[in-house]
Protein backbone atom coordinates (compact mmCIF):
# COMPACT_ATOMS: atom_id res chain seq x y z
CA MET A 1 -17.18 -7.00 0.42
CA TYR A 2 -14.28 -4.97 0.45
CA ALA A 3 -12.78 -2.75 3.10
CA ILE A 4 -10.41 0.70 3.36
CA VAL A 5 -7.03 -0.43 5.13
CA GLU A 6 -4.07 1.59 5.95
CA ILE A 7 -0.76 -0.30 4.87
CA ASN A 8 2.33 1.93 5.97
CA GLY A 9 0.98 5.58 6.36
CA GLN A 10 -1.34 4.89 2.49
CA GLN A 11 -4.86 4.21 2.79
CA PHE A 12 -5.75 1.08 -0.01
CA LYS A 13 -9.26 -0.24 -1.11
CA ALA A 14 -8.93 -4.03 -0.38
CA GLU A 15 -11.00 -6.99 -1.73
CA ALA A 16 -10.33 -10.37 -1.93
CA GLY A 17 -7.95 -11.37 -5.04
CA LYS A 18 -6.88 -7.82 -5.55
CA LYS A 19 -3.32 -7.09 -6.12
CA LEU A 20 -1.89 -4.03 -4.60
CA PHE A 21 1.69 -2.30 -4.78
CA VAL A 22 2.36 -0.54 -1.63
CA HIS A 23 5.67 0.95 -0.05
CA HIS A 24 8.24 -1.51 0.49
CA ILE A 25 7.74 -4.16 3.81
CA GLN A 26 11.11 -3.96 5.08
CA ASN A 27 10.76 -7.84 6.74
CA GLY A 28 8.54 -9.73 4.44
CA GLU A 29 9.36 -12.53 2.02
CA ASN A 30 8.21 -13.60 -0.86
CA GLY A 31 5.16 -16.24 -0.12
CA ALA A 32 4.80 -14.81 3.66
CA THR A 33 1.20 -14.10 4.79
CA VAL A 34 0.63 -10.47 6.15
CA GLU A 35 -2.26 -9.27 8.23
CA PHE A 36 -3.17 -5.67 8.55
CA ASP A 37 -5.30 -5.05 11.17
CA LYS A 38 -5.57 -0.86 11.16
CA VAL A 39 -9.39 -1.33 8.97
CA LEU A 40 -11.17 1.93 8.35
CA LEU A 41 -14.03 0.98 7.01
CA VAL A 42 -15.88 -2.18 6.07
CA ASP A 43 -18.76 -2.60 3.05
CA LYS A 44 -20.43 -6.08 3.63
CA ASP A 45 -22.73 -6.22 0.68
CA GLY A 46 -24.22 -3.16 1.00
CA ALA A 47 -23.92 -2.88 4.75
CA ILE A 48 -21.34 -0.54 6.16
CA THR A 49 -19.07 -0.52 8.86
CA VAL A 50 -17.01 2.82 9.82
CA GLY A 51 -14.37 2.86 12.31
CA ALA A 52 -13.70 6.01 14.94
CA PRO A 53 -10.60 4.95 14.28
CA THR A 54 -10.68 1.49 13.32
CA VAL A 55 -12.97 -0.79 13.54
CA GLU A 56 -12.77 -3.77 15.71
CA GLY A 57 -12.25 -7.06 14.64
CA ALA A 58 -11.58 -6.75 11.37
CA LYS A 59 -8.44 -7.02 9.43
CA VAL A 60 -7.07 -8.04 5.91
CA VAL A 61 -4.82 -11.16 5.07
CA CYS A 62 -2.66 -10.70 2.48
CA GLU A 63 0.26 -12.47 0.65
CA ILE A 64 3.41 -11.37 -0.37
CA VAL A 65 3.82 -11.92 -4.17
CA SER A 66 7.08 -9.75 -4.83
CA ASN A 67 9.08 -8.23 -2.13
CA LEU A 68 10.81 -5.51 -3.85
CA VAL A 69 9.56 -4.22 -7.26
CA LYS A 70 11.01 -0.71 -8.65
CA GLY A 71 8.74 1.70 -9.30
CA ASP A 72 8.93 4.10 -12.26
CA LYS A 73 12.25 6.19 -12.69
CA VAL A 74 11.39 10.06 -11.59
CA ILE A 75 13.63 12.98 -12.78
CA VAL A 76 13.85 15.97 -10.38
CA PHE A 77 16.17 18.54 -11.95
CA HIS A 78 16.47 21.86 -10.13
CA LYS A 79 17.69 25.15 -11.56
CA LYS A 80 18.27 28.93 -11.05
CA ARG A 81 17.85 31.19 -14.00
CA ARG A 82 20.85 33.23 -15.02
CA LYS A 83 23.46 31.64 -12.37
CA GLY A 84 24.95 28.45 -14.17
CA TYR A 85 23.29 26.25 -11.42
CA ARG A 86 21.66 22.76 -12.53
CA LYS A 87 21.15 19.99 -10.57
CA ARG A 88 19.36 16.64 -11.78
CA ASN A 89 18.42 13.39 -9.24
CA GLY A 90 16.57 10.84 -10.05
CA HIS A 91 14.95 8.35 -8.19
CA ARG A 92 13.05 5.09 -8.14
CA GLN A 93 10.73 4.06 -5.64
CA GLN A 94 10.91 0.78 -3.71
CA PHE A 95 7.30 -1.32 -3.84
CA THR A 96 6.03 -4.56 -2.52
CA GLU A 97 3.45 -6.96 -4.64
CA ILE A 98 0.73 -8.28 -2.20
CA THR A 99 -2.38 -10.11 -3.11
CA ILE A 100 -5.46 -9.81 -1.26
CA LYS A 101 -6.62 -13.33 0.28
CA GLU A 102 -9.32 -12.51 2.13
CA VAL A 103 -11.22 -9.55 4.34
CA VAL A 104 -12.24 -10.34 7.66
CA ALA A 105 -14.47 -8.35 9.63
């Protein structure tokens, strides 16, 4: 059984026991339980239910493993040729690591 769930504007495939890295959850604490109810699709052993826009009564129960995980560094480099203009900037996205406990549908 799995579900497609929307978490902080992104869609994820959620299965029990799966580990996900989602955009940073502001007021989450390590070990806290979080429920997401924006379930877009549920698959129960081949019986697929598609929501319009969400599936009624379905939710995904998760546990926060680590509230703040930094992603890989991305270098942003801007240059205009023959003008002497160069700008270098780095960015590290902040994520929250969660584990899916169960999918309720």
